């Protein structure tokens, strides 16, 4: 019988070939349907390795295939198949298949639907390249691929200035992270003469090297300081938001840290940086989500908060828990975005949750899936989010972690429950606050089937993946009951407080638009305004002083003055205002002229 990794290699290559095949015939009228079916077949092809892996439980083994060297350099085309690849690919294919099927309905009136599906397909291929990469060179190719495609997809409605600005903002923030990645890449090429993962893991970790990796991951995964682009990315179509936030772009940074984790684990400075950065990100993003009224931005900030939680898992030296949360998070986050897209479409493109309400009667399937996704997000027992989220908080409370990081994570967990209840309450419950003549219709298989698949994943994926990815020998076998139940108790208390708030304060939502007290965009205004003002002022200062001190003084009026002064002084000697001097000059000139003429 062929080995597990032979089967994985063959099925993965077949899946990639299936995905590339539709790109050969982009002009086809049914390109979007061909694309959806190709990803669907790729998903079914990726299942046998996962089932074999689950049965064999080969947790720590991996296989690397070196295809060819690239010229005289040490760069090569290498792929790696391990537990992360085998689990991630089916998740990515299933989520993408659901999003593509939903897109056939959502984008049906768009004249460029074929191009839209082409972009989504290349986006998925770039992420597969990143996940299967066996060295930093190939990983960087996938890394840049998801960055470039996110720019094109976020700016899909590029005629709108907000969409064009959001796309540019995403690229600029990611360029900052790419500086860290490229510095790390160049350092490894110079000092280690290789970028293969097996070789990198054997070198002595250097803090600047690890900080380059962390900077790259922080910008791609929208950690605190790099987070504004993630909320702005909501300007793209809803399927783009769903794919971007679930299983592609934003998890690329965390995935990079999981790949290089053996290096990070030897550096307490790097682990502490990840832990504190993650805790700060999860807290700030959760507090931002509380103040939002745009349904897509609430879900976007919840993504940022969950990415912070993944970063906390990296900082706790538990990369498999971070990956576990990536896998479970993909299902319910994609489902939340698809539900929000359907709601927005149904109520005439309105995104303000204060103008929704009573949708449990008009859109029962959509609001049910929205509620399941929100409950999974807050960590309700036995849904997908519970298994991974609870495990991370449990690990944080039993480790020798920074207590401030643990406190921020627990507060963020409470905030998650509050904004999830708020989202469910304002969209689904109470009386309707939208136009009564709107036609809400969800009776379309292209909508219901993706939601049903993702809802099934949200309910079942946590249990299935936990049996595969969690090690057989956990580090901690017992803990006090209060520590074990900490996350659950905090979530229940926050849920109860939020439900009480609904009855007291949220019965008639405030419609005042003047208040900016809790506007999370203060970060954008402070950072963007100050950075541009400082840059422009510095440039103005340098240019004006350079012009004045160098060009104007050295080559301008001062130069003309000094160069002509000696000539002017010489000419002035002849201007004495004495008649005898002028007559003497006249006679001397006549004598010289006569002598010259006589000589000739």
Protein backbone atom coordinates (compact mmCIF):
# COMPACT_ATOMS: atom_id res chain seq x y z
CA UNK A 1 0.00 0.00 0.00
CA UNK A 2 1.41 3.46 -0.86
CA UNK A 3 2.41 5.63 2.08
CA UNK A 4 0.19 8.38 3.48
CA UNK A 5 2.42 11.11 2.05
CA UNK A 6 2.48 9.56 -1.41
CA UNK A 7 -1.32 9.63 -1.40
CA UNK A 8 -1.29 13.20 -0.04
CA UNK A 9 1.14 14.31 -2.73
CA UNK A 10 -0.85 12.72 -5.56
CA UNK A 11 -4.24 14.00 -4.34
CA UNK A 12 -2.92 17.53 -3.69
CA UNK A 13 -1.32 17.76 -7.12
CA UNK A 14 -4.54 16.43 -8.69
CA UNK A 15 -6.57 19.01 -6.74
CA UNK A 16 -4.27 21.84 -7.89
CA UNK A 17 -4.49 20.59 -11.49
CA UNK A 18 -8.30 20.56 -11.21
CA UNK A 19 -8.28 24.16 -9.97
CA UNK A 20 -5.86 25.35 -12.68
CA UNK A 21 -7.87 23.64 -15.44
CA UNK A 22 -10.74 26.21 -15.54
CA UNK A 23 -8.15 29.01 -15.89
CA UNK A 24 -7.26 27.58 -19.30
CA UNK A 25 -10.68 28.61 -20.62
CA UNK A 26 -11.54 31.91 -18.94
CA UNK A 27 -13.68 33.09 -21.87
CA UNK A 28 -16.24 30.34 -21.29
CA UNK A 29 -19.83 31.48 -20.59
CA UNK A 30 -20.13 29.03 -17.68
CA UNK A 31 -16.68 29.77 -16.23
CA UNK A 32 -18.11 30.55 -12.77
CA UNK A 33 -19.93 27.20 -12.62
CA UNK A 34 -16.86 25.30 -13.88
CA UNK A 35 -14.79 27.00 -11.18
CA UNK A 36 -17.23 26.06 -8.43
CA UNK A 37 -17.31 22.42 -9.57
CA UNK A 38 -13.50 22.28 -9.79
CA UNK A 39 -13.12 23.42 -6.16
CA UNK A 40 -15.86 20.99 -5.13
CA UNK A 41 -13.96 18.08 -6.75
CA UNK A 42 -10.71 19.31 -5.15
CA UNK A 43 -12.40 19.12 -1.74
CA UNK A 44 -13.47 15.50 -2.25
CA UNK A 45 -9.97 14.66 -3.52
CA UNK A 46 -8.40 16.11 -0.36
CA UNK A 47 -10.52 13.95 1.98
CA UNK A 48 -8.72 10.52 1.61
CA UNK A 49 -5.39 11.81 3.06
CA UNK A 50 -7.29 13.39 5.96
CA UNK A 51 -9.15 10.14 6.73
CA UNK A 52 -5.94 8.09 6.50
CA UNK A 53 -4.14 10.57 8.70
CA UNK A 54 -6.93 10.42 11.30
CA UNK A 55 -6.68 6.62 11.36
CA UNK A 56 -2.86 6.42 11.48
CA UNK A 57 -2.30 9.37 13.87
CA UNK A 58 1.16 10.24 12.46
CA UNK A 59 1.27 13.52 14.36
CA UNK A 60 4.93 14.48 14.08
CA UNK A 61 5.95 13.18 10.65
CA UNK A 62 6.21 15.15 7.42
CA UNK A 63 7.37 14.62 3.84
CA UNK A 64 9.35 17.08 1.72
CA UNK A 65 9.57 16.90 -2.06
CA UNK A 66 12.34 18.85 -3.82
CA UNK A 67 11.31 19.50 -7.42
CA UNK A 68 14.23 21.42 -8.93
CA UNK A 69 16.93 23.98 -8.16
CA UNK A 70 16.61 27.49 -9.52
CA UNK A 71 19.92 28.16 -11.31
CA UNK A 72 23.19 28.76 -9.48
CA UNK A 73 21.55 30.02 -6.26
CA UNK A 74 20.58 27.87 -3.31
CA UNK A 75 16.89 28.48 -4.01
CA UNK A 76 14.74 25.50 -4.93
CA UNK A 77 11.13 24.60 -5.55
CA UNK A 78 10.25 22.46 -2.50
CA UNK A 79 6.88 21.31 -1.16
CA UNK A 80 6.15 20.02 2.34
CA UNK A 81 3.25 17.82 3.48
CA UNK A 82 2.59 17.46 7.19
CA UNK A 83 -0.30 17.59 9.64
CA UNK A 84 -0.99 21.27 8.92
CA UNK A 85 -1.17 20.79 5.15
CA UNK A 86 -3.35 17.67 5.36
CA UNK A 87 -5.91 19.32 7.67
CA UNK A 88 -5.88 22.82 6.19
CA UNK A 89 -6.48 21.91 2.54
CA UNK A 90 -9.92 20.22 3.02
CA UNK A 91 -11.01 23.11 5.25
CA UNK A 92 -9.89 25.71 2.68
CA UNK A 93 -11.51 23.79 -0.21
CA UNK A 94 -14.83 23.33 1.62
CA UNK A 95 -15.04 26.97 2.69
CA UNK A 96 -14.05 28.21 -0.79
CA UNK A 97 -16.55 25.85 -2.47
CA UNK A 98 -19.33 27.25 -0.27
CA UNK A 99 -18.29 30.85 -0.93
CA UNK A 100 -18.06 30.28 -4.71
CA UNK A 101 -21.52 28.72 -4.78
CA UNK A 102 -22.90 31.65 -2.79
CA UNK A 103 -21.13 34.04 -5.19
CA UNK A 104 -22.97 32.59 -8.20
CA UNK A 105 -26.12 34.04 -6.58
CA UNK A 106 -24.62 37.16 -4.98
CA UNK A 107 -22.73 38.36 -8.09
CA UNK A 108 -25.24 37.15 -10.72
CA UNK A 109 -26.00 40.70 -11.93
CA UNK A 110 -22.31 41.71 -12.13
CA UNK A 111 -21.18 41.95 -15.79
CA UNK A 112 -17.64 40.83 -14.85
CA UNK A 113 -18.58 37.71 -12.87
CA UNK A 114 -16.09 35.54 -14.82
CA UNK A 115 -13.22 37.83 -13.90
CA UNK A 116 -14.38 37.87 -10.28
CA UNK A 117 -14.28 34.06 -10.13
CA UNK A 118 -10.87 34.03 -11.81
CA UNK A 119 -9.52 36.32 -9.09
CA UNK A 120 -11.03 34.13 -6.34
CA UNK A 121 -9.49 31.02 -7.91
CA UNK A 122 -6.01 32.57 -8.13
CA UNK A 123 -6.45 33.77 -4.53
CA UNK A 124 -7.09 30.15 -3.44
CA UNK A 125 -4.11 28.88 -5.48
CA UNK A 126 -1.81 31.42 -3.81
CA UNK A 127 -2.95 30.23 -0.38
CA UNK A 128 -2.40 26.57 -1.33
CA UNK A 129 1.12 27.51 -2.50
CA UNK A 130 1.77 29.19 0.86
CA UNK A 131 0.50 26.21 2.88
CA UNK A 132 2.36 23.54 0.84
CA UNK A 133 5.63 25.50 0.64
CA UNK A 134 8.74 23.65 1.84
CA UNK A 135 10.95 26.72 1.96
CA UNK A 136 10.67 30.48 2.46
CA UNK A 137 11.10 31.20 -1.25
CA UNK A 138 7.94 29.35 -2.30
CA UNK A 139 6.12 30.58 0.81
CA UNK A 140 6.98 34.16 -0.19
CA UNK A 141 5.52 33.53 -3.66
CA UNK A 142 2.22 32.49 -2.06
CA UNK A 143 2.52 35.33 0.46
CA UNK A 144 2.79 37.95 -2.28
CA UNK A 145 0.09 36.18 -4.30
CA UNK A 146 -2.56 36.51 -1.57
CA UNK A 147 -1.49 40.13 -1.03
CA UNK A 148 -1.81 41.05 -4.69
CA UNK A 149 -5.15 39.25 -5.15
CA UNK A 150 -6.57 40.85 -1.99
CA UNK A 151 -5.76 44.26 -3.51
CA UNK A 152 -7.66 43.39 -6.71
CA UNK A 153 -10.64 41.90 -4.85
CA UNK A 154 -11.02 44.55 -2.13
CA UNK A 155 -10.91 47.21 -4.85
CA UNK A 156 -13.43 45.33 -7.03
CA UNK A 157 -15.78 48.33 -6.99
CA UNK A 158 -12.82 50.61 -7.70
CA UNK A 159 -15.01 53.41 -9.05
CA UNK A 160 -15.99 54.06 -5.42
CA UNK A 161 -13.29 56.08 -3.71
CA UNK A 162 -13.76 54.17 -0.42
CA UNK A 163 -13.10 50.81 -2.11
CA UNK A 164 -10.03 52.09 -3.96
CA UNK A 165 -8.68 53.63 -0.74
CA UNK A 166 -9.31 50.43 1.24
CA UNK A 167 -7.45 48.33 -1.37
CA UNK A 168 -4.50 50.72 -1.31
CA UNK A 169 -4.51 50.77 2.50
CA UNK A 170 -4.38 46.94 2.60
CA UNK A 171 -1.39 46.93 0.25
CA UNK A 172 0.49 49.65 2.14
CA UNK A 173 0.05 47.96 5.53
CA UNK A 174 1.18 44.66 4.04
CA UNK A 175 4.24 46.32 2.48
CA UNK A 176 5.37 47.20 6.01
CA UNK A 177 5.25 43.53 6.95
CA UNK A 178 6.98 42.52 3.74
CA UNK A 179 9.97 44.62 4.80
CA UNK A 180 10.35 42.31 7.83
CA UNK A 181 9.93 39.20 5.67
CA UNK A 182 12.50 40.35 3.08
CA UNK A 183 15.04 41.37 5.73
CA UNK A 184 14.68 37.91 7.28
CA UNK A 185 14.97 36.26 3.87
CA UNK A 186 18.13 38.20 2.99
CA UNK A 187 19.67 37.54 6.42
CA UNK A 188 19.11 33.79 5.99
CA UNK A 189 20.55 33.81 2.46
CA UNK A 190 23.66 35.61 3.70
CA UNK A 191 24.27 33.78 6.98
CA UNK A 192 22.60 30.38 6.57
CA UNK A 193 23.01 30.05 2.76
CA UNK A 194 19.59 28.36 2.63
CA UNK A 195 15.90 29.11 3.08
CA UNK A 196 14.76 25.47 3.39
CA UNK A 197 12.67 24.94 6.52
CA UNK A 198 14.71 21.90 7.65
CA UNK A 199 17.89 23.96 7.47
CA UNK A 200 16.40 27.06 9.10
CA UNK A 201 15.16 25.08 12.11
CA UNK A 202 18.68 23.85 12.84
CA UNK A 203 20.31 27.30 13.14
CA UNK A 204 20.71 29.32 16.32
CA UNK A 205 17.76 31.74 16.63
CA UNK A 206 18.63 35.44 16.57
CA UNK A 207 16.17 37.97 18.00
CA UNK A 208 16.29 40.40 15.00
CA UNK A 209 15.57 37.43 12.69
CA UNK A 210 12.54 36.41 14.76
CA UNK A 211 11.32 40.02 15.01
CA UNK A 212 11.31 40.15 11.20
CA UNK A 213 9.05 37.10 11.13
CA UNK A 214 6.76 38.56 13.81
CA UNK A 215 6.50 41.91 11.98
CA UNK A 216 5.57 40.12 8.75
CA UNK A 217 2.94 38.03 10.53
CA UNK A 218 1.57 41.03 12.46
CA UNK A 219 0.90 43.03 9.29
CA UNK A 220 -0.62 40.13 7.33
CA UNK A 221 -2.75 38.97 10.27
CA UNK A 222 -3.81 42.51 11.28
CA UNK A 223 -2.38 42.62 14.78
CA UNK A 224 -2.56 45.80 16.86
CA UNK A 225 -0.87 48.66 15.03
CA UNK A 226 -1.48 47.03 11.65
CA UNK A 227 -5.21 46.39 12.18
CA UNK A 228 -6.97 49.32 10.37
CA UNK A 229 -6.77 47.72 6.91
CA UNK A 230 -8.87 44.73 7.99
CA UNK A 231 -12.01 46.75 8.74
CA UNK A 232 -11.48 48.88 5.62
CA UNK A 233 -11.36 45.68 3.55
CA UNK A 234 -15.14 45.44 4.06
CA UNK A 235 -15.50 47.72 1.03
CA UNK A 236 -15.07 44.66 -1.19
CA UNK A 237 -17.98 42.34 -2.10
CA UNK A 238 -19.20 40.10 0.74
CA UNK A 239 -17.81 36.83 -0.79
CA UNK A 240 -14.38 38.49 -0.81
CA UNK A 241 -14.73 39.40 2.87
CA UNK A 242 -15.79 35.83 3.65
CA UNK A 243 -12.81 34.26 1.85
CA UNK A 244 -10.32 36.89 3.02
CA UNK A 245 -11.28 36.53 6.70
CA UNK A 246 -11.86 32.80 6.93
CA UNK A 247 -9.18 30.66 5.33
CA UNK A 248 -6.82 32.77 3.22
CA UNK A 249 -5.19 36.16 3.62
CA UNK A 250 -5.46 36.92 7.33
CA UNK A 251 -4.37 33.49 8.58
CA UNK A 252 -1.23 33.57 6.37
CA UNK A 253 0.72 35.50 9.03
CA UNK A 254 -0.20 33.07 11.81
CA UNK A 255 0.61 30.16 9.49
CA UNK A 256 4.10 31.60 8.88
CA UNK A 257 4.75 31.69 12.64
CA UNK A 258 3.46 28.11 12.98
CA UNK A 259 5.93 27.02 10.26
CA UNK A 260 8.93 28.71 11.94
CA UNK A 261 7.77 27.90 15.46
CA UNK A 262 10.75 25.64 16.35
CA UNK A 263 12.87 28.82 16.08
CA UNK A 264 10.45 30.93 18.12
CA UNK A 265 10.22 28.33 20.89
CA UNK A 266 13.90 28.87 21.78
CA UNK A 267 13.51 32.62 22.25
CA UNK A 268 11.63 33.88 25.35
CA UNK A 269 11.74 37.43 23.93
CA UNK A 270 9.95 36.39 20.72
CA UNK A 271 7.34 34.33 22.61
CA UNK A 272 6.62 37.17 25.04
CA UNK A 273 6.31 39.61 22.13
CA UNK A 274 3.78 37.30 20.43
CA UNK A 275 1.83 36.82 23.66
CA UNK A 276 1.57 40.53 24.53
CA UNK A 277 0.89 41.58 20.93
CA UNK A 278 -1.85 38.94 20.62
CA UNK A 279 -3.49 39.87 23.93
CA UNK A 280 -3.46 43.58 23.05
CA UNK A 281 -4.90 42.84 19.59
CA UNK A 282 -7.69 40.61 20.84
CA UNK A 283 -8.69 43.14 23.50
CA UNK A 284 -8.65 46.23 21.26
CA UNK A 285 -10.45 44.54 18.38
CA UNK A 286 -13.17 43.20 20.71
CA UNK A 287 -13.66 46.66 22.23
CA UNK A 288 -13.87 48.14 18.72
CA UNK A 289 -16.56 45.61 17.74
CA UNK A 290 -18.72 46.75 20.69
CA UNK A 291 -18.98 50.27 19.28
CA UNK A 292 -19.78 49.35 15.65
CA UNK A 293 -23.17 49.57 13.96
CA UNK A 294 -22.10 48.26 10.53
CA UNK A 295 -22.83 44.50 10.48
CA UNK A 296 -19.78 43.68 8.33
CA UNK A 297 -17.43 45.75 10.48
CA UNK A 298 -18.61 43.99 13.66
CA UNK A 299 -17.72 40.64 12.06
CA UNK A 300 -14.44 42.10 10.70
CA UNK A 301 -13.31 43.28 14.14
CA UNK A 302 -14.30 39.89 15.57
CA UNK A 303 -11.86 38.34 13.03
CA UNK A 304 -9.12 40.65 14.26
CA UNK A 305 -9.93 39.64 17.84
CA UNK A 306 -9.73 35.92 17.01
CA UNK A 307 -6.41 36.46 15.19
CA UNK A 308 -5.12 38.02 18.40
CA UNK A 309 -6.18 34.85 20.23
CA UNK A 310 -4.24 32.74 17.70
CA UNK A 311 -1.20 34.95 18.32
CA UNK A 312 -1.64 34.34 22.08
CA UNK A 313 -1.48 30.57 21.37
CA UNK A 314 1.78 31.10 19.44
CA UNK A 315 3.14 33.11 22.39
CA UNK A 316 2.19 30.27 24.77
CA UNK A 317 4.44 27.94 22.71
CA UNK A 318 1.41 25.96 21.51
CA UNK A 319 1.33 26.30 17.70
CA UNK A 320 -1.04 23.36 17.21
CA UNK A 321 -3.73 25.22 19.23
CA UNK A 322 -3.28 28.29 16.99
CA UNK A 323 -3.71 26.05 13.94
CA UNK A 324 -6.72 24.36 15.55
CA UNK A 325 -8.37 27.76 15.99
CA UNK A 326 -7.56 28.69 12.36
CA UNK A 327 -9.36 25.55 11.20
CA UNK A 328 -12.49 25.95 13.35
CA UNK A 329 -12.65 29.73 12.89
CA UNK A 330 -12.79 29.36 9.09
CA UNK A 331 -16.21 27.67 9.20
CA UNK A 332 -18.17 30.05 11.39
CA UNK A 333 -16.49 33.21 10.13
CA UNK A 334 -17.27 32.38 6.48
CA UNK A 335 -20.85 31.56 7.52
CA UNK A 336 -21.25 34.85 9.41
CA UNK A 337 -20.12 36.83 6.37
CA UNK A 338 -22.39 34.93 3.99
CA UNK A 339 -25.35 35.52 6.34
CA UNK A 340 -24.52 39.23 6.56
CA UNK A 341 -24.26 39.43 2.76
CA UNK A 342 -27.66 37.82 2.35
CA UNK A 343 -29.22 40.16 4.91
CA UNK A 344 -27.65 43.23 3.27
CA UNK A 345 -28.91 42.12 -0.16
CA UNK A 346 -32.40 41.46 1.19
CA UNK A 347 -32.89 44.87 2.83
CA UNK A 348 -31.77 47.01 -0.07
CA UNK A 349 -28.02 47.17 0.69
CA UNK A 350 -28.45 48.50 4.24
CA UNK A 351 -25.59 47.58 6.59
CA UNK A 352 -26.60 49.44 9.76
CA UNK A 353 -27.89 46.91 12.35
CA UNK A 354 -30.04 49.66 13.91
CA UNK A 355 -32.14 49.60 10.72
CA UNK A 356 -32.71 45.83 10.82
CA UNK A 357 -34.75 43.67 13.20
CA UNK A 358 -37.45 41.00 13.09
CA UNK A 359 -35.60 39.03 10.43
CA UNK A 360 -36.17 35.67 12.17
CA UNK A 361 -39.57 35.62 10.45
CA UNK A 362 -38.45 36.91 7.05
CA UNK A 363 -35.13 35.00 6.79
CA UNK A 364 -35.35 32.03 9.20
CA UNK A 365 -32.46 29.97 7.77
CA UNK A 366 -30.12 32.97 7.53
CA UNK A 367 -30.81 34.21 11.07
CA UNK A 368 -30.48 30.66 12.44
CA UNK A 369 -27.04 30.31 10.82
CA UNK A 370 -26.09 33.82 12.03
CA UNK A 371 -27.03 32.78 15.58
CA UNK A 372 -25.11 29.47 15.34
CA UNK A 373 -22.03 31.34 14.02
CA UNK A 374 -22.23 33.97 16.76
CA UNK A 375 -22.64 31.31 19.45
CA UNK A 376 -19.64 29.41 18.07
CA UNK A 377 -17.66 32.68 18.05
CA UNK A 378 -18.34 33.32 21.73
CA UNK A 379 -17.29 29.74 22.62
CA UNK A 380 -20.60 28.02 23.34
CA UNK A 381 -19.87 24.44 24.51
CA UNK A 382 -19.63 21.76 21.83
CA UNK A 383 -19.70 24.13 18.86
CA UNK A 384 -16.50 24.47 16.79
CA UNK A 385 -15.21 27.63 18.48
CA UNK A 386 -15.46 26.13 21.96
CA UNK A 387 -12.89 23.38 21.43
CA UNK A 388 -10.13 25.67 20.19
CA UNK A 389 -10.91 28.90 22.03
CA UNK A 390 -11.42 27.20 25.39
CA UNK A 391 -8.21 25.21 24.95
CA UNK A 392 -6.17 28.39 24.32
CA UNK A 393 -7.59 30.24 27.34
CA UNK A 394 -7.14 27.10 29.48
CA UNK A 395 -3.50 26.86 28.37
CA UNK A 396 -2.99 30.57 29.13
CA UNK A 397 -4.42 30.26 32.64
CA UNK A 398 -2.27 27.19 33.49
CA UNK A 399 1.00 28.50 32.02
CA UNK A 400 3.51 30.92 33.51
CA UNK A 401 2.11 33.60 31.25
CA UNK A 402 2.11 37.34 31.67
CA UNK A 403 -0.93 37.95 33.92
CA UNK A 404 -1.80 41.17 32.07
CA UNK A 405 -1.97 39.25 28.78
CA UNK A 406 -4.27 36.67 30.42
CA UNK A 407 -6.49 39.43 31.84
CA UNK A 408 -6.81 41.18 28.46
CA UNK A 409 -7.67 37.84 26.81
CA UNK A 410 -10.40 37.11 29.37
CA UNK A 411 -11.88 40.63 29.01
CA UNK A 412 -11.88 40.17 25.21
CA UNK A 413 -13.72 36.86 25.71
CA UNK A 414 -16.42 38.68 27.69
CA UNK A 415 -16.65 41.42 25.04
CA UNK A 416 -17.05 38.75 22.35
CA UNK A 417 -20.18 37.47 24.11
CA UNK A 418 -21.58 41.01 24.39
CA UNK A 419 -21.14 42.05 20.74
CA UNK A 420 -22.36 38.64 19.54
CA UNK A 421 -25.58 39.00 21.55
CA UNK A 422 -25.93 42.56 20.29
CA UNK A 423 -25.54 41.38 16.68
CA UNK A 424 -28.15 38.60 17.08
CA UNK A 425 -30.56 40.88 18.96
CA UNK A 426 -30.46 43.82 16.56
CA UNK A 427 -30.65 41.77 13.35
CA UNK A 428 -32.98 38.90 14.25
CA UNK A 429 -35.11 39.89 17.22
CA UNK A 430 -37.50 42.71 18.20
CA UNK A 431 -39.72 44.44 15.64
CA UNK A 432 -38.74 45.17 12.05
CA UNK A 433 -37.15 48.59 11.50
CA UNK A 434 -36.66 48.42 7.75
CA UNK A 435 -38.83 49.38 4.78
CA UNK A 436 -42.00 47.21 4.90
CA UNK A 437 -42.16 46.76 1.12
CA UNK A 438 -38.82 44.92 0.87
CA UNK A 439 -38.94 41.38 -0.48
CA UNK A 440 -36.77 39.13 1.70
CA UNK A 441 -36.17 35.87 -0.13
CA UNK A 442 -33.67 33.15 0.77
CA UNK A 443 -35.32 30.26 -1.10
CA UNK A 444 -32.44 29.57 -3.45
CA UNK A 445 -30.31 26.43 -3.32
CA UNK A 446 -27.21 28.52 -4.17
CA UNK A 447 -27.71 30.26 -0.82
CA UNK A 448 -29.09 27.49 1.38
CA UNK A 449 -26.59 24.75 0.45
CA UNK A 450 -23.44 26.78 1.34
CA UNK A 451 -25.01 27.91 4.62
CA UNK A 452 -26.04 24.33 5.49
CA UNK A 453 -22.50 23.02 4.77
CA UNK A 454 -20.83 25.73 6.85
CA UNK A 455 -23.36 25.31 9.67
CA UNK A 456 -22.60 21.57 9.73
CA UNK A 457 -18.89 22.39 9.84
CA UNK A 458 -19.47 24.90 12.64
CA UNK A 459 -21.25 22.28 14.71
CA UNK A 460 -19.05 19.23 13.97
CA UNK A 461 -15.58 20.46 12.92
CA UNK A 462 -14.34 21.23 16.43
CA UNK A 463 -14.84 17.69 17.70
CA UNK A 464 -13.44 16.06 14.53
CA UNK A 465 -10.30 18.21 14.30
CA UNK A 466 -9.62 18.04 18.06
CA UNK A 467 -9.36 14.25 17.79
CA UNK A 468 -6.75 14.59 15.03
CA UNK A 469 -4.59 17.57 15.95
CA UNK A 470 -4.37 17.61 19.74
CA UNK A 471 -1.38 15.58 20.99
CA UNK A 472 -1.99 12.28 22.76
CA UNK A 473 0.09 13.38 25.73
CA UNK A 474 -1.07 16.81 26.93
CA UNK A 475 1.31 18.89 29.02
CA UNK A 476 -1.22 19.37 31.84
CA UNK A 477 -3.36 16.50 33.07
CA UNK A 478 -5.28 18.24 35.84
CA UNK A 479 -6.19 21.73 36.99
CA UNK A 480 -8.58 23.36 39.50
CA UNK A 481 -12.23 23.48 38.45
CA UNK A 482 -12.35 27.31 38.46
CA UNK A 483 -9.39 27.41 36.08
CA UNK A 484 -10.93 24.81 33.78
CA UNK A 485 -14.22 26.70 33.65
CA UNK A 486 -12.78 30.26 33.60
CA UNK A 487 -13.54 30.99 29.93
CA UNK A 488 -17.01 29.43 30.12
CA UNK A 489 -17.96 31.26 33.33
CA UNK A 490 -16.82 34.63 31.92
CA UNK A 491 -18.74 34.00 28.67
CA UNK A 492 -21.93 33.06 30.55
CA UNK A 493 -21.69 36.11 32.83
CA UNK A 494 -21.07 38.42 29.82
CA UNK A 495 -23.99 36.79 27.98
CA UNK A 496 -26.29 37.35 30.97
CA UNK A 497 -25.20 41.00 31.32
CA UNK A 498 -25.64 41.57 27.57
CA UNK A 499 -29.12 40.00 27.65
CA UNK A 500 -30.04 42.24 30.57
CA UNK A 501 -28.73 45.27 28.66
CA UNK A 502 -30.96 44.33 25.73
CA UNK A 503 -34.05 44.68 27.90
CA UNK A 504 -32.91 47.91 29.56
CA UNK A 505 -31.05 49.92 26.90
CA UNK A 506 -31.39 48.26 23.51
CA UNK A 507 -35.17 48.21 23.15
CA UNK A 508 -35.06 51.37 21.03
CA UNK A 509 -31.62 51.69 19.45
CA UNK A 510 -30.20 55.20 19.30
CA UNK A 511 -30.17 56.61 15.78
CA UNK A 512 -28.01 59.66 16.54
CA UNK A 513 -25.10 59.92 14.11
CA UNK A 514 -23.39 62.91 15.74
CA UNK A 515 -21.57 61.10 18.53
CA UNK A 516 -17.96 60.15 17.81
CA UNK A 517 -17.04 59.33 21.40
CA UNK A 518 -16.61 55.60 20.75
CA UNK A 519 -15.47 55.82 17.16
CA UNK A 520 -12.65 53.28 16.73
CA UNK A 521 -11.33 55.20 13.75
CA UNK A 522 -9.46 57.47 16.16
CA UNK A 523 -6.48 55.19 15.57
CA UNK A 524 -6.62 55.83 11.83
CA UNK A 525 -6.94 59.57 12.35
CA UNK A 526 -4.06 59.71 14.83
CA UNK A 527 -1.65 57.40 13.03
CA UNK A 528 -2.47 58.24 9.41
CA UNK A 529 -2.71 62.01 9.99
CA UNK A 530 0.41 62.23 12.16
CA UNK A 531 2.51 59.99 9.89
CA UNK A 532 1.60 61.88 6.72
CA UNK A 533 1.95 65.30 8.39
CA UNK A 534 5.34 64.36 9.84
CA UNK A 535 6.55 62.98 6.51
CA UNK A 536 5.39 65.99 4.51
CA UNK A 537 6.76 68.50 7.05
CA UNK A 538 10.11 66.70 7.13
CA UNK A 539 10.23 66.64 3.33
CA UNK A 540 9.32 70.33 3.18
CA UNK A 541 11.96 71.19 5.79
CA UNK A 542 14.66 69.21 3.96
CA UNK A 543 13.79 70.51 0.51
CA UNK A 544 13.45 74.17 1.47
CA UNK A 545 16.64 74.16 3.52
CA UNK A 546 18.47 72.25 0.83
CA UNK A 547 17.29 74.74 -1.78
CA UNK A 548 18.18 77.75 0.35
CA UNK A 549 21.49 76.60 1.80
CA UNK A 550 22.90 74.68 -1.17
CA UNK A 551 21.30 75.70 -4.46
CA UNK A 552 20.49 79.33 -3.67
CA UNK A 553 23.70 80.12 -1.81
CA UNK A 554 26.20 78.03 -3.72
CA UNK A 555 24.78 78.35 -7.24
CA UNK A 556 22.28 81.18 -6.92
CA UNK A 557 22.67 84.96 -6.26
CA UNK A 558 25.56 84.44 -3.83
CA UNK A 559 27.57 82.55 -6.43
CA UNK A 560 26.91 85.20 -9.11
CA UNK A 561 27.96 87.92 -6.69
CA UNK A 562 31.26 86.32 -5.66
CA UNK A 563 32.21 85.24 -9.20
CA UNK A 564 31.68 88.71 -10.73
CA UNK A 565 33.00 90.83 -7.85
CA UNK A 566 36.67 90.76 -8.99
CA UNK A 567 35.71 91.81 -12.53
CA UNK A 568 33.54 94.64 -11.21
CA UNK A 569 36.37 95.88 -8.96
CA UNK A 570 38.79 95.86 -11.92
CA UNK A 571 36.35 97.86 -14.06
CA UNK A 572 35.77 100.31 -11.21
CA UNK A 573 39.49 101.22 -11.12
CA UNK A 574 39.11 102.89 -14.50
CA UNK A 575 36.13 104.97 -13.43
CA UNK A 576 38.00 107.79 -11.57
CA UNK A 577 36.10 110.83 -12.99
CA UNK A 578 39.47 112.58 -13.87
CA UNK A 579 39.98 114.03 -17.39
CA UNK A 580 43.70 113.39 -17.42
CA UNK A 581 43.17 109.66 -16.81
CA UNK A 582 40.71 109.46 -19.74
CA UNK A 583 43.10 111.44 -22.06
CA UNK A 584 46.02 109.22 -21.02
CA UNK A 585 43.96 106.10 -21.92
CA UNK A 586 43.02 107.73 -25.27
CA UNK A 587 46.63 108.55 -26.20
CA UNK A 588 47.89 105.11 -25.15
CA UNK A 589 45.15 103.49 -27.27
CA UNK A 590 46.05 105.67 -30.31
CA UNK A 591 49.78 104.89 -29.98
CA UNK A 592 49.08 101.13 -29.66
CA UNK A 593 46.75 101.20 -32.68
CA UNK A 594 49.36 103.09 -34.78
CA UNK A 595 52.10 100.64 -33.84
CA UNK A 596 49.89 97.64 -34.72
CA UNK A 597 48.99 99.13 -38.09
CA UNK A 598 52.63 100.04 -38.84
CA UNK A 599 53.80 96.57 -37.87
CA UNK A 600 51.29 94.88 -40.23
